[in-house]
C-alpha cells in the first residue's frame, strides 16, 4: 500500500497580513480632516476667550452701584442722582435706575412707561427681590408684561396679587440720555440715576431707593418757670452735720 503525500504547508506572508490588518483598521481620510478642523476651532475659541474682558479681567463685584449708598440719606441721593443725570449727554444708551414716587403697582408703572416705547425696561425691584422682564411680544403691551410678572412673583411667594409687598420701588432701564431726561420729567418719577455708557448689565449692583433720611431730632419743649426765679440762683448750702 503506497504512502500518501502530506499536504504542503505554505508559509504565511507576514507582510501581506500586516497590510490587510492595517487596511481593515485604518480610518477614512475625512475622519482625520474632521479631527484637524475641530482642533483648529478649539484653538480659535481659546484665543478668543483669552482676549475677552469677562475672562481676562476680574468681574467688578464692588464696581458701579445704582441706588443709595450705605448711610446716604434720601435727600443726598436725590441730589447726587440729579447731578449724574444732568451730566449725561450724547447718544450712547446706558443703564439707569428709575425710582417712582412710591411703591408702584401695575397701573402706576404703565402710566410712567407708556410714552417711552424705545426704552428697554429690564428689571423690577421690590425690596431685595429682582424681577427680570422680557420685552412685550407682538400683540402685547407693557401693562401685560408688568401684570404677568407681578402674578408670577405673587404665586411663587404664596400671596395675592394685591399684596402691598409687591409694590415696585425701582426699575432698571436701558435707554439714550434723551430718553432718560424725558423719563425724569414724567409724573410719578422721583429720580433717574444713570450709569456710564460702558457699564455692563450683571456687573453692577442695584439698590432701590427707600426713605433713608434720619428722623429729625425732637424739639425740646420749654419749661414753665416761676416769674420770681432769679437769673443766677445759688445752690443752697448743705446743712452742717
C-alpha atoms as a PDB file:
ATOM      1  CA  UNK A   1       0.000   0.000   0.000  1.00  0.00           C
ATOM      2  CA  UNK A   2       1.535   3.313  -1.074  1.00  0.00           C
ATOM      3  CA  UNK A   3       2.173   6.209   1.200  1.00  0.00           C
ATOM      4  CA  UNK A   4       0.025   9.346   0.971  1.00  0.00           C
ATOM      5  CA  UNK A   5       1.938  12.515   0.336  1.00  0.00           C
ATOM      6  CA  UNK A   6       1.435  15.049   3.136  1.00  0.00           C
ATOM      7  CA  UNK A   7      -0.080  18.385   2.177  1.00  0.00           C
ATOM      8  CA  UNK A   8       2.481  21.031   1.591  1.00  0.00           C
ATOM      9  CA  UNK A   9       2.265  23.924   4.052  1.00  0.00           C
ATOM     10  CA  UNK A  10       2.568  27.360   2.538  1.00  0.00           C
ATOM     11  CA  UNK A  11       4.431  29.755   4.819  1.00  0.00           C
ATOM     12  CA  UNK A  12       2.377  32.758   5.979  1.00  0.00           C
ATOM     13  CA  UNK A  13       3.110  36.049   4.294  1.00  0.00           C
ATOM     14  CA  UNK A  14       3.550  38.328   7.271  1.00  0.00           C
ATOM     15  CA  UNK A  15       3.855  41.447   5.155  1.00  0.00           C
ATOM     16  CA  UNK A  16       0.573  40.778   3.393  1.00  0.00           C
ATOM     17  CA  UNK A  17      -1.159  40.019   6.676  1.00  0.00           C
ATOM     18  CA  UNK A  18       0.019  43.274   8.256  1.00  0.00           C
ATOM     19  CA  UNK A  19      -1.124  45.240   5.220  1.00  0.00           C
ATOM     20  CA  UNK A  20      -4.573  43.678   5.315  1.00  0.00           C
ATOM     21  CA  UNK A  21      -4.896  44.268   9.028  1.00  0.00           C
ATOM     22  CA  UNK A  22      -3.905  47.927   8.612  1.00  0.00           C
ATOM     23  CA  UNK A  23      -6.438  48.430   5.811  1.00  0.00           C
ATOM     24  CA  UNK A  24      -9.152  46.926   7.987  1.00  0.00           C
ATOM     25  CA  UNK A  25      -8.414  49.189  10.935  1.00  0.00           C
ATOM     26  CA  UNK A  26      -7.466  52.491   9.284  1.00  0.00           C
ATOM     27  CA  UNK A  27      -9.959  55.372   9.430  1.00  0.00           C
ATOM     28  CA  UNK A  28     -11.309  57.148   6.371  1.00  0.00           C
ATOM     29  CA  UNK A  29      -9.486  60.300   5.359  1.00  0.00           C
ATOM     30  CA  UNK A  30     -12.453  62.533   6.186  1.00  0.00           C
ATOM     31  CA  UNK A  31     -12.241  61.496   9.844  1.00  0.00           C
ATOM     32  CA  UNK A  32      -8.697  62.795  10.035  1.00  0.00           C
ATOM     33  CA  UNK A  33      -9.607  66.105   8.405  1.00  0.00           C
ATOM     34  CA  UNK A  34     -12.596  66.483  10.731  1.00  0.00           C
ATOM     35  CA  UNK A  35     -10.336  65.997  13.741  1.00  0.00           C
ATOM     36  CA  UNK A  36      -7.943  68.640  12.441  1.00  0.00           C
ATOM     37  CA  UNK A  37     -10.809  71.095  11.879  1.00  0.00           C
ATOM     38  CA  UNK A  38     -12.144  70.530  15.408  1.00  0.00           C
ATOM     39  CA  UNK A  39      -8.693  71.121  16.862  1.00  0.00           C
ATOM     40  CA  UNK A  40      -8.333  74.403  14.954  1.00  0.00           C
ATOM     41  CA  UNK A  41     -11.786  75.547  16.100  1.00  0.00           C
ATOM     42  CA  UNK A  42     -10.875  74.751  19.696  1.00  0.00           C
ATOM     43  CA  UNK A  43      -7.684  76.797  19.472  1.00  0.00           C
ATOM     44  CA  UNK A  44      -9.560  79.766  17.977  1.00  0.00           C
ATOM     45  CA  UNK A  45     -12.135  79.601  20.784  1.00  0.00           C
ATOM     46  CA  UNK A  46      -9.447  79.541  23.466  1.00  0.00           C
ATOM     47  CA  UNK A  47      -7.709  82.566  21.935  1.00  0.00           C
ATOM     48  CA  UNK A  48     -10.984  84.488  21.674  1.00  0.00           C
ATOM     49  CA  UNK A  49     -11.887  83.790  25.295  1.00  0.00           C
ATOM     50  CA  UNK A  50      -8.443  84.803  26.492  1.00  0.00           C
ATOM     51  CA  UNK A  51      -8.950  88.233  24.907  1.00  0.00           C
ATOM     52  CA  UNK A  52     -12.445  88.661  26.368  1.00  0.00           C
ATOM     53  CA  UNK A  53     -12.927  91.082  29.260  1.00  0.00           C
ATOM     54  CA  UNK A  54     -15.014  88.513  31.127  1.00  0.00           C
ATOM     55  CA  UNK A  55     -12.143  86.016  31.061  1.00  0.00           C
ATOM     56  CA  UNK A  56      -9.027  88.189  31.170  1.00  0.00           C
ATOM     57  CA  UNK A  57     -10.304  90.679  33.755  1.00  0.00           C
ATOM     58  CA  UNK A  58     -11.797  90.119  37.165  1.00  0.00           C
ATOM     59  CA  UNK A  59     -15.528  90.712  37.482  1.00  0.00           C
ATOM     60  CA  UNK A  60     -16.260  94.055  39.116  1.00  0.00           C
ATOM     61  CA  UNK A  61     -18.121  92.747  42.139  1.00  0.00           C
ATOM     62  CA  UNK A  62     -17.850  96.038  44.005  1.00  0.00           C
ATOM     63  CA  UNK A  63     -17.937  98.272  40.939  1.00  0.00           C
ATOM     64  CA  UNK A  64     -20.805 100.518  39.874  1.00  0.00           C
ATOM     65  CA  UNK A  65     -23.869 100.519  42.096  1.00  0.00           C
ATOM     66  CA  UNK A  66     -27.262 102.008  41.336  1.00  0.00           C
ATOM     67  CA  UNK A  67     -29.191 103.359  44.283  1.00  0.00           C
ATOM     68  CA  UNK A  68     -28.360 104.990  47.601  1.00  0.00           C
ATOM     69  CA  UNK A  69     -25.050 104.238  49.224  1.00  0.00           C
ATOM     70  CA  UNK A  70     -24.878 102.828  52.726  1.00  0.00           C
ATOM     71  CA  UNK A  71     -25.799 105.563  55.175  1.00  0.00           C
ATOM     72  CA  UNK A  72     -26.757 108.032  52.430  1.00  0.00           C
ATOM     73  CA  UNK A  73     -29.919 109.983  53.130  1.00  0.00           C
ATOM     74  CA  UNK A  74     -32.740 110.248  50.623  1.00  0.00           C
ATOM     75  CA  UNK A  75     -32.077 113.933  50.055  1.00  0.00           C
ATOM     76  CA  UNK A  76     -28.385 113.386  49.385  1.00  0.00           C
ATOM     77  CA  UNK A  77     -29.140 110.554  46.980  1.00  0.00           C
ATOM     78  CA  UNK A  78     -31.712 112.576  45.042  1.00  0.00           C
ATOM     79  CA  UNK A  79     -29.191 115.389  44.664  1.00  0.00           C
ATOM     80  CA  UNK A  80     -26.465 113.001  43.514  1.00  0.00           C
ATOM     81  CA  UNK A  81     -28.751 111.260  41.021  1.00  0.00           C
ATOM     82  CA  UNK A  82     -29.860 114.609  39.617  1.00  0.00           C
ATOM     83  CA  UNK A  83     -26.263 115.725  39.125  1.00  0.00           C
ATOM     84  CA  UNK A  84     -25.370 112.456  37.390  1.00  0.00           C
ATOM     85  CA  UNK A  85     -28.338 112.783  35.037  1.00  0.00           C
ATOM     86  CA  UNK A  86     -27.554 116.419  34.258  1.00  0.00           C
ATOM     87  CA  UNK A  87     -24.018 115.406  33.264  1.00  0.00           C
ATOM     88  CA  UNK A  88     -25.292 112.641  30.961  1.00  0.00           C
ATOM     89  CA  UNK A  89     -25.113 113.717  27.327  1.00  0.00           C
ATOM     90  CA  UNK A  90     -24.519 112.197  23.903  1.00  0.00           C
ATOM     91  CA  UNK A  91     -26.340 109.414  22.106  1.00  0.00           C
ATOM     92  CA  UNK A  92     -24.866 106.273  23.687  1.00  0.00           C
ATOM     93  CA  UNK A  93     -27.533 104.260  25.540  1.00  0.00           C
ATOM     94  CA  UNK A  94     -26.841 103.258  29.112  1.00  0.00           C
ATOM     95  CA  UNK A  95     -28.359 101.574  32.137  1.00  0.00           C
ATOM     96  CA  UNK A  96     -30.203 103.608  34.747  1.00  0.00           C
ATOM     97  CA  UNK A  97     -32.287 103.199  37.890  1.00  0.00           C
ATOM     98  CA  UNK A  98     -35.736 104.777  37.825  1.00  0.00           C
ATOM     99  CA  UNK A  99     -37.235 105.418  41.258  1.00  0.00           C
ATOM    100  CA  UNK A 100     -41.008 106.000  41.390  1.00  0.00           C
ATOM    101  CA  UNK A 101     -42.631 108.398  43.835  1.00  0.00           C
ATOM    102  CA  UNK A 102     -43.622 105.441  45.989  1.00  0.00           C
ATOM    103  CA  UNK A 103     -44.182 101.691  45.777  1.00  0.00           C
ATOM    104  CA  UNK A 104     -45.818 101.389  42.358  1.00  0.00           C
ATOM    105  CA  UNK A 105     -48.411  98.907  41.165  1.00  0.00           C
ATOM    106  CA  UNK A 106     -49.112  97.832  37.588  1.00  0.00           C
ATOM    107  CA  UNK A 107     -51.220 100.888  36.803  1.00  0.00           C
ATOM    108  CA  UNK A 108     -48.589 103.319  38.102  1.00  0.00           C
ATOM    109  CA  UNK A 109     -45.787 101.627  36.152  1.00  0.00           C
ATOM    110  CA  UNK A 110     -47.879 101.613  33.000  1.00  0.00           C
ATOM    111  CA  UNK A 111     -48.549 105.336  33.334  1.00  0.00           C
ATOM    112  CA  UNK A 112     -44.819 106.049  33.653  1.00  0.00           C
ATOM    113  CA  UNK A 113     -43.591 103.948  30.719  1.00  0.00           C
ATOM    114  CA  UNK A 114     -46.485 104.227  28.252  1.00  0.00           C
ATOM    115  CA  UNK A 115     -44.915 107.140  26.372  1.00  0.00           C
ATOM    116  CA  UNK A 116     -41.442 105.537  26.295  1.00  0.00           C
ATOM    117  CA  UNK A 117     -41.692 102.921  23.501  1.00  0.00           C
ATOM    118  CA  UNK A 118     -37.961 102.938  22.738  1.00  0.00           C
ATOM    119  CA  UNK A 119     -36.904 102.404  26.340  1.00  0.00           C
ATOM    120  CA  UNK A 120     -35.820  98.921  27.385  1.00  0.00           C
ATOM    121  CA  UNK A 121     -37.429  98.025  30.720  1.00  0.00           C
ATOM    122  CA  UNK A 122     -35.222  95.260  32.058  1.00  0.00           C
ATOM    123  CA  UNK A 123     -35.743  94.606  35.768  1.00  0.00           C
ATOM    124  CA  UNK A 124     -38.216  95.480  38.506  1.00  0.00           C
ATOM    125  CA  UNK A 125     -37.026  95.873  42.101  1.00  0.00           C
ATOM    126  CA  UNK A 126     -39.201  95.304  45.148  1.00  0.00           C
ATOM    127  CA  UNK A 127     -37.197  95.351  48.341  1.00  0.00           C
ATOM    128  CA  UNK A 128     -34.472  92.750  47.882  1.00  0.00           C
ATOM    129  CA  UNK A 129     -36.262  90.919  45.055  1.00  0.00           C
ATOM    130  CA  UNK A 130     -35.469  91.397  41.359  1.00  0.00           C
ATOM    131  CA  UNK A 131     -37.912  90.533  38.565  1.00  0.00           C
ATOM    132  CA  UNK A 132     -36.371  90.174  35.113  1.00  0.00           C
ATOM    133  CA  UNK A 133     -38.726  91.319  32.358  1.00  0.00           C
ATOM    134  CA  UNK A 134     -38.933  90.385  28.670  1.00  0.00           C
ATOM    135  CA  UNK A 135     -39.900  92.860  26.005  1.00  0.00           C
ATOM    136  CA  UNK A 136     -43.606  92.789  25.064  1.00  0.00           C
ATOM    137  CA  UNK A 137     -44.281  90.289  22.303  1.00  0.00           C
ATOM    138  CA  UNK A 138     -46.448  91.044  19.284  1.00  0.00           C
ATOM    139  CA  UNK A 139     -49.962  91.896  20.382  1.00  0.00           C
ATOM    140  CA  UNK A 140     -48.997  92.616  23.998  1.00  0.00           C
ATOM    141  CA  UNK A 141     -48.316  95.816  25.928  1.00  0.00           C
ATOM    142  CA  UNK A 142     -46.003  96.729  28.770  1.00  0.00           C
ATOM    143  CA  UNK A 143     -49.006  96.591  31.066  1.00  0.00           C
ATOM    144  CA  UNK A 144     -49.412  92.906  30.206  1.00  0.00           C
ATOM    145  CA  UNK A 145     -45.744  92.230  30.973  1.00  0.00           C
ATOM    146  CA  UNK A 146     -45.967  94.044  34.327  1.00  0.00           C
ATOM    147  CA  UNK A 147     -49.145  92.179  35.280  1.00  0.00           C
ATOM    148  CA  UNK A 148     -47.729  88.784  34.314  1.00  0.00           C
ATOM    149  CA  UNK A 149     -44.535  89.391  36.298  1.00  0.00           C
ATOM    150  CA  UNK A 150     -46.488  90.515  39.359  1.00  0.00           C
ATOM    151  CA  UNK A 151     -48.789  87.494  39.142  1.00  0.00           C
ATOM    152  CA  UNK A 152     -45.841  85.113  38.768  1.00  0.00           C
ATOM    153  CA  UNK A 153     -43.966  86.531  41.763  1.00  0.00           C
ATOM    154  CA  UNK A 154     -47.114  86.591  43.884  1.00  0.00           C
ATOM    155  CA  UNK A 155     -47.801  82.956  43.059  1.00  0.00           C
ATOM    156  CA  UNK A 156     -44.267  81.861  43.950  1.00  0.00           C
ATOM    157  CA  UNK A 157     -44.479  83.763  47.250  1.00  0.00           C
ATOM    158  CA  UNK A 158     -47.961  82.472  48.071  1.00  0.00           C
ATOM    159  CA  UNK A 159     -49.504  85.941  48.397  1.00  0.00           C
ATOM    160  CA  UNK A 160     -52.314  87.671  46.481  1.00  0.00           C
ATOM    161  CA  UNK A 161     -51.547  89.967  43.563  1.00  0.00           C
ATOM    162  CA  UNK A 162     -52.847  92.907  45.576  1.00  0.00           C
ATOM    163  CA  UNK A 163     -50.341  92.492  48.420  1.00  0.00           C
ATOM    164  CA  UNK A 164     -48.535  95.748  49.218  1.00  0.00           C
ATOM    165  CA  UNK A 165     -45.237  93.869  49.440  1.00  0.00           C
ATOM    166  CA  UNK A 166     -45.284  93.654  45.637  1.00  0.00           C
ATOM    167  CA  UNK A 167     -45.004  97.420  45.258  1.00  0.00           C
ATOM    168  CA  UNK A 168     -42.151  98.334  42.903  1.00  0.00           C
ATOM    169  CA  UNK A 169     -39.537 100.668  44.365  1.00  0.00           C
ATOM    170  CA  UNK A 170     -37.083 100.649  41.448  1.00  0.00           C
ATOM    171  CA  UNK A 171     -36.908  99.893  37.733  1.00  0.00           C
ATOM    172  CA  UNK A 172     -33.733  99.162  35.753  1.00  0.00           C
ATOM    173  CA  UNK A 173     -33.972 100.570  32.224  1.00  0.00           C
ATOM    174  CA  UNK A 174     -31.674 100.933  29.218  1.00  0.00           C
ATOM    175  CA  UNK A 175     -32.013 103.994  27.045  1.00  0.00           C
ATOM    176  CA  UNK A 176     -30.354 107.016  25.499  1.00  0.00           C
ATOM    177  CA  UNK A 177     -29.635 110.174  27.509  1.00  0.00           C
ATOM    178  CA  UNK A 178     -32.544 111.916  25.759  1.00  0.00           C
ATOM    179  CA  UNK A 179     -34.920 109.136  26.797  1.00  0.00           C
ATOM    180  CA  UNK A 180     -33.643 109.234  30.371  1.00  0.00           C
ATOM    181  CA  UNK A 181     -34.075 113.011  30.593  1.00  0.00           C
ATOM    182  CA  UNK A 182     -37.602 112.677  29.245  1.00  0.00           C
ATOM    183  CA  UNK A 183     -38.344 109.947  31.750  1.00  0.00           C
ATOM    184  CA  UNK A 184     -37.090 112.066  34.653  1.00  0.00           C
ATOM    185  CA  UNK A 185     -39.709 114.722  33.865  1.00  0.00           C
ATOM    186  CA  UNK A 186     -42.552 112.189  33.736  1.00  0.00           C
ATOM    187  CA  UNK A 187     -45.138 112.433  36.538  1.00  0.00           C
ATOM    188  CA  UNK A 188     -44.679 109.656  39.052  1.00  0.00           C
ATOM    189  CA  UNK A 189     -40.877 109.511  38.696  1.00  0.00           C
ATOM    190  CA  UNK A 190     -38.859 110.575  41.700  1.00  0.00           C
ATOM    191  CA  UNK A 191     -35.333 110.131  40.359  1.00  0.00           C
ATOM    192  CA  UNK A 192     -33.356 108.721  37.436  1.00  0.00           C
ATOM    193  CA  UNK A 193     -29.766 107.697  38.143  1.00  0.00           C
ATOM    194  CA  UNK A 194     -27.717 106.772  35.042  1.00  0.00           C
ATOM    195  CA  UNK A 195     -24.546 104.719  34.820  1.00  0.00           C
ATOM    196  CA  UNK A 196     -21.623 105.322  32.444  1.00  0.00           C
ATOM    197  CA  UNK A 197     -22.205 104.107  28.900  1.00  0.00           C
ATOM    198  CA  UNK A 198     -19.651 101.298  29.264  1.00  0.00           C
ATOM    199  CA  UNK A 199     -21.373  99.685  32.267  1.00  0.00           C
ATOM    200  CA  UNK A 200     -22.315  96.053  31.587  1.00  0.00           C
ATOM    201  CA  UNK A 201     -25.525  94.509  32.865  1.00  0.00           C
ATOM    202  CA  UNK A 202     -24.841  91.913  35.532  1.00  0.00           C
ATOM    203  CA  UNK A 203     -21.674  93.658  36.686  1.00  0.00           C
ATOM    204  CA  UNK A 204     -23.217  96.468  38.710  1.00  0.00           C
ATOM    205  CA  UNK A 205     -25.197  96.446  41.921  1.00  0.00           C
ATOM    206  CA  UNK A 206     -28.821  97.504  42.353  1.00  0.00           C
ATOM    207  CA  UNK A 207     -30.321  99.001  45.491  1.00  0.00           C
ATOM    208  CA  UNK A 208     -33.824 100.522  45.360  1.00  0.00           C
ATOM    209  CA  UNK A 209     -34.462 103.934  46.848  1.00  0.00           C
ATOM    210  CA  UNK A 210     -36.220 103.950  50.176  1.00  0.00           C
ATOM    211  CA  UNK A 211     -36.732 106.762  52.640  1.00  0.00           C
ATOM    212  CA  UNK A 212     -33.412 106.589  54.448  1.00  0.00           C
ATOM    213  CA  UNK A 213     -33.325 110.120  55.842  1.00  0.00           C
ATOM    214  CA  UNK A 214     -32.714 110.090  59.596  1.00  0.00           C
ATOM    215  CA  UNK A 215     -35.584 111.226  61.753  1.00  0.00           C
ATOM    216  CA  UNK A 216     -35.444 114.852  62.801  1.00  0.00           C
ATOM    217  CA  UNK A 217     -34.459 115.340  66.447  1.00  0.00           C
ATOM    218  CA  UNK A 218     -37.363 116.002  68.766  1.00  0.00           C
ATOM    219  CA  UNK A 219     -37.765 119.633  69.696  1.00  0.00           C
ATOM    220  CA  UNK A 220     -37.281 120.395  73.352  1.00  0.00           C
ATOM    221  CA  UNK A 221     -40.415 121.745  74.971  1.00  0.00           C
ATOM    222  CA  UNK A 222     -39.825 124.912  77.011  1.00  0.00           C
ATOM    223  CA  UNK A 223     -40.440 124.522  80.712  1.00  0.00           C
ATOM    224  CA  UNK A 224     -42.695 126.891  82.598  1.00  0.00           C
ATOM    225  CA  UNK A 225     -40.595 128.618  85.230  1.00  0.00           C
ATOM    226  CA  UNK A 226     -41.846 130.799  88.046  1.00  0.00           C
ATOM    227  CA  UNK A 227     -41.612 134.523  87.399  1.00  0.00           C
ATOM    228  CA  UNK A 228     -39.682 135.245  90.631  1.00  0.00           C
ATOM    229  CA  UNK A 229     -36.863 132.820  89.818  1.00  0.00           C
ATOM    230  CA  UNK A 230     -33.512 134.645  89.970  1.00  0.00           C
ATOM    231  CA  UNK A 231     -31.307 134.683  86.894  1.00  0.00           C
ATOM    232  CA  UNK A 232     -28.362 133.027  88.679  1.00  0.00           C
ATOM    233  CA  UNK A 233     -29.795 131.019  91.520  1.00  0.00           C
ATOM    234  CA  UNK A 234     -27.281 129.926  94.100  1.00  0.00           C
ATOM    235  CA  UNK A 235     -27.178 126.351  95.281  1.00  0.00           C
ATOM    236  CA  UNK A 236     -28.288 126.062  98.885  1.00  0.00           C
ATOM    237  CA  UNK A 237     -25.585 125.140 101.316  1.00  0.00           C
ATOM    238  CA  UNK A 238     -25.782 121.689 102.781  1.00  0.00           C
ATOM    239  CA  UNK A 239     -26.618 121.741 106.486  1.00  0.00           C
ATOM    240  CA  UNK A 240     -23.766 121.040 108.842  1.00  0.00           C
ATOM    241  CA  UNK A 241     -23.860 117.645 110.488  1.00  0.00           C
END
